[in-house]
C-alpha atoms as a PDB file:
ATOM      1  CA  UNK A   1      10.167  15.276   2.015  1.00  0.00           C
ATOM      2  CA  UNK A   2       8.319  17.574  -0.300  1.00  0.00           C
ATOM      3  CA  UNK A   3       4.984  18.959  -1.379  1.00  0.00           C
ATOM      4  CA  UNK A   4       4.696  15.985  -3.909  1.00  0.00           C
ATOM      5  CA  UNK A   5       1.738  14.268  -2.496  1.00  0.00           C
ATOM      6  CA  UNK A   6       0.084  12.399  -5.636  1.00  0.00           C
ATOM      7  CA  UNK A   7      -3.420  11.237  -5.196  1.00  0.00           C
ATOM      8  CA  UNK A   8      -3.550   9.631  -8.473  1.00  0.00           C
ATOM      9  CA  UNK A   9      -0.472   7.518  -7.761  1.00  0.00           C
ATOM     10  CA  UNK A  10      -2.080   6.456  -4.329  1.00  0.00           C
ATOM     11  CA  UNK A  11      -5.247   5.448  -6.193  1.00  0.00           C
ATOM     12  CA  UNK A  12      -3.221   3.646  -8.843  1.00  0.00           C
ATOM     13  CA  UNK A  13      -1.394   1.553  -6.151  1.00  0.00           C
ATOM     14  CA  UNK A  14      -4.760  -0.353  -5.217  1.00  0.00           C
ATOM     15  CA  UNK A  15      -5.437  -1.143  -8.847  1.00  0.00           C
ATOM     16  CA  UNK A  16      -1.918  -2.468  -9.346  1.00  0.00           C
ATOM     17  CA  UNK A  17      -2.253  -4.558  -6.359  1.00  0.00           C
ATOM     18  CA  UNK A  18      -5.551  -5.941  -7.383  1.00  0.00           C
ATOM     19  CA  UNK A  19      -3.985  -6.834 -10.657  1.00  0.00           C
ATOM     20  CA  UNK A  20      -1.109  -8.428  -9.131  1.00  0.00           C
ATOM     21  CA  UNK A  21       1.294  -6.052 -11.248  1.00  0.00           C
ATOM     22  CA  UNK A  22       4.474  -6.186  -9.010  1.00  0.00           C
ATOM     23  CA  UNK A  23       6.474  -4.282 -11.440  1.00  0.00           C
ATOM     24  CA  UNK A  24       3.946  -1.481 -11.598  1.00  0.00           C
ATOM     25  CA  UNK A  25       3.769  -1.481  -7.791  1.00  0.00           C
ATOM     26  CA  UNK A  26       7.501  -1.309  -7.353  1.00  0.00           C
ATOM     27  CA  UNK A  27       7.607   1.795  -9.885  1.00  0.00           C
ATOM     28  CA  UNK A  28       5.522   3.827  -7.497  1.00  0.00           C
ATOM     29  CA  UNK A  29       8.074   3.257  -4.807  1.00  0.00           C
ATOM     30  CA  UNK A  30      11.620   4.843  -4.140  1.00  0.00           C
ATOM     31  CA  UNK A  31      14.457   2.526  -4.011  1.00  0.00           C
ATOM     32  CA  UNK A  32      14.757   2.954  -0.120  1.00  0.00           C
ATOM     33  CA  UNK A  33      11.089   2.922   0.734  1.00  0.00           C
ATOM     34  CA  UNK A  34       9.603   1.898   4.210  1.00  0.00           C
ATOM     35  CA  UNK A  35       6.390   0.205   4.570  1.00  0.00           C
ATOM     36  CA  UNK A  36       4.939  -0.660   7.932  1.00  0.00           C
ATOM     37  CA  UNK A  37       1.833  -2.959   8.599  1.00  0.00           C
ATOM     38  CA  UNK A  38       0.285  -3.744  12.109  1.00  0.00           C
ATOM     39  CA  UNK A  39       1.802  -6.939  13.596  1.00  0.00           C
ATOM     40  CA  UNK A  40       4.239  -7.450  10.890  1.00  0.00           C
ATOM     41  CA  UNK A  41       7.852  -6.652  10.401  1.00  0.00           C
ATOM     42  CA  UNK A  42       8.799  -3.432   8.557  1.00  0.00           C
ATOM     43  CA  UNK A  43       9.498  -3.863   4.869  1.00  0.00           C
ATOM     44  CA  UNK A  44      12.581  -1.921   3.626  1.00  0.00           C
ATOM     45  CA  UNK A  45      13.674  -1.173   0.292  1.00  0.00           C
ATOM     46  CA  UNK A  46      12.510  -2.453  -3.142  1.00  0.00           C
ATOM     47  CA  UNK A  47      13.968  -5.920  -2.814  1.00  0.00           C
ATOM     48  CA  UNK A  48      12.047  -6.591   0.277  1.00  0.00           C
ATOM     49  CA  UNK A  49       8.719  -4.874  -1.318  1.00  0.00           C
ATOM     50  CA  UNK A  50       9.269  -7.383  -4.343  1.00  0.00           C
ATOM     51  CA  UNK A  51       9.638 -10.383  -1.914  1.00  0.00           C
ATOM     52  CA  UNK A  52       6.435  -9.229  -0.232  1.00  0.00           C
ATOM     53  CA  UNK A  53       4.235  -8.623  -3.277  1.00  0.00           C
ATOM     54  CA  UNK A  54       5.662 -11.654  -5.154  1.00  0.00           C
ATOM     55  CA  UNK A  55       5.246 -14.393  -2.247  1.00  0.00           C
ATOM     56  CA  UNK A  56       4.788 -12.800   1.207  1.00  0.00           C
ATOM     57  CA  UNK A  57       1.615 -10.900   1.015  1.00  0.00           C
ATOM     58  CA  UNK A  58      -1.153 -13.017   3.011  1.00  0.00           C
ATOM     59  CA  UNK A  59      -3.946 -11.291   0.988  1.00  0.00           C
ATOM     60  CA  UNK A  60      -5.226 -12.497  -2.359  1.00  0.00           C
ATOM     61  CA  UNK A  61      -8.071 -12.827  -4.741  1.00  0.00           C
ATOM     62  CA  UNK A  62      -9.529  -9.546  -3.859  1.00  0.00           C
ATOM     63  CA  UNK A  63     -10.402  -6.102  -4.462  1.00  0.00           C
ATOM     64  CA  UNK A  64      -9.716  -2.700  -2.741  1.00  0.00           C
ATOM     65  CA  UNK A  65     -12.462  -0.005  -2.697  1.00  0.00           C
ATOM     66  CA  UNK A  66     -11.359   3.402  -2.026  1.00  0.00           C
ATOM     67  CA  UNK A  67     -13.761   5.530  -0.008  1.00  0.00           C
ATOM     68  CA  UNK A  68     -11.651   8.772   0.427  1.00  0.00           C
ATOM     69  CA  UNK A  69      -8.409  10.116  -0.435  1.00  0.00           C
ATOM     70  CA  UNK A  70      -6.982  13.210   1.063  1.00  0.00           C
ATOM     71  CA  UNK A  71      -3.632  14.962   0.178  1.00  0.00           C
ATOM     72  CA  UNK A  72      -1.717  17.267   2.312  1.00  0.00           C
ATOM     73  CA  UNK A  73       2.019  18.299   1.759  1.00  0.00           C
ATOM     74  CA  UNK A  74       3.890  15.138   1.179  1.00  0.00           C
ATOM     75  CA  UNK A  75       1.182  12.849   2.275  1.00  0.00           C
ATOM     76  CA  UNK A  76      -1.882  11.064   0.732  1.00  0.00           C
ATOM     77  CA  UNK A  77      -4.221   9.595   3.339  1.00  0.00           C
ATOM     78  CA  UNK A  78      -6.560   6.858   1.706  1.00  0.00           C
ATOM     79  CA  UNK A  79      -9.543   5.161   3.669  1.00  0.00           C
ATOM     80  CA  UNK A  80     -11.122   2.032   1.920  1.00  0.00           C
ATOM     81  CA  UNK A  81     -12.155  -1.614   2.295  1.00  0.00           C
ATOM     82  CA  UNK A  82     -10.972  -4.888   1.213  1.00  0.00           C
ATOM     83  CA  UNK A  83     -12.856  -7.841   0.346  1.00  0.00           C
ATOM     84  CA  UNK A  84     -11.107 -11.202  -0.770  1.00  0.00           C
ATOM     85  CA  UNK A  85      -8.738 -13.927   1.005  1.00  0.00           C
ATOM     86  CA  UNK A  86      -6.379 -13.910   3.658  1.00  0.00           C
ATOM     87  CA  UNK A  87      -4.442 -17.273   4.199  1.00  0.00           C
ATOM     88  CA  UNK A  88      -7.309 -19.134   2.221  1.00  0.00           C
ATOM     89  CA  UNK A  89     -10.213 -17.727   4.182  1.00  0.00           C
ATOM     90  CA  UNK A  90     -12.599 -15.008   2.730  1.00  0.00           C
ATOM     91  CA  UNK A  91     -12.087 -11.751   4.551  1.00  0.00           C
ATOM     92  CA  UNK A  92     -13.642  -8.238   4.426  1.00  0.00           C
ATOM     93  CA  UNK A  93     -12.043  -5.332   6.373  1.00  0.00           C
ATOM     94  CA  UNK A  94     -11.560  -1.480   6.411  1.00  0.00           C
ATOM     95  CA  UNK A  95      -8.205   0.189   6.144  1.00  0.00           C
ATOM     96  CA  UNK A  96      -6.442   3.588   6.196  1.00  0.00           C
ATOM     97  CA  UNK A  97      -3.198   4.007   4.490  1.00  0.00           C
ATOM     98  CA  UNK A  98      -0.652   6.792   4.640  1.00  0.00           C
ATOM     99  CA  UNK A  99       1.697   7.284   1.802  1.00  0.00           C
ATOM    100  CA  UNK A 100       4.445   9.856   1.933  1.00  0.00           C
ATOM    101  CA  UNK A 101       6.044  10.958  -1.190  1.00  0.00           C
ATOM    102  CA  UNK A 102       9.584  12.044  -1.787  1.00  0.00           C
ATOM    103  CA  UNK A 103      11.134  14.902  -4.201  1.00  0.00           C
ATOM    104  CA  UNK A 104      10.853  12.447  -7.104  1.00  0.00           C
ATOM    105  CA  UNK A 105       7.030  11.848  -6.477  1.00  0.00           C
ATOM    106  CA  UNK A 106       7.699   8.263  -5.468  1.00  0.00           C
ATOM    107  CA  UNK A 107       6.084   6.710  -2.239  1.00  0.00           C
ATOM    108  CA  UNK A 108       8.856   6.824   0.346  1.00  0.00           C
ATOM    109  CA  UNK A 109       6.883   5.781   3.276  1.00  0.00           C
ATOM    110  CA  UNK A 110       3.796   3.866   3.573  1.00  0.00           C
ATOM    111  CA  UNK A 111       1.689   2.922   6.713  1.00  0.00           C
ATOM    112  CA  UNK A 112      -1.274   0.732   6.898  1.00  0.00           C
ATOM    113  CA  UNK A 113      -3.902   0.433   9.490  1.00  0.00           C
ATOM    114  CA  UNK A 114      -6.647  -1.878   9.539  1.00  0.00           C
ATOM    115  CA  UNK A 115      -9.494  -3.280  11.688  1.00  0.00           C
ATOM    116  CA  UNK A 116      -7.804  -6.574  11.702  1.00  0.00           C
ATOM    117  CA  UNK A 117      -4.723  -7.586  13.864  1.00  0.00           C
ATOM    118  CA  UNK A 118      -2.423  -8.525  11.070  1.00  0.00           C
ATOM    119  CA  UNK A 119      -2.474  -8.221   7.075  1.00  0.00           C
END
């Protein structure tokens, strides 16, 4: 990894997710990116990311609010909240995400923590 943490790309991620812009989301990630979420299997590579954002994501019809962004080295930490639907029910919860960037400025590793068991 490098010193390529990109706070703007991390912020943009949430806008793209809220807009359901799968191509835009995938453009932020490296080809072999890894995404870990609580209580869920690890997502590895763009094909798995595409499948997740097109059909596997349990959250929908919502909006992320970013409260804080901190960049250090190759990592951007984001603290925020989400309000929307999960599996057809209204939800609101906090999250903390860590985005690690590669030498090309793409997200190579992402880890999500929430105050819910699974997302």
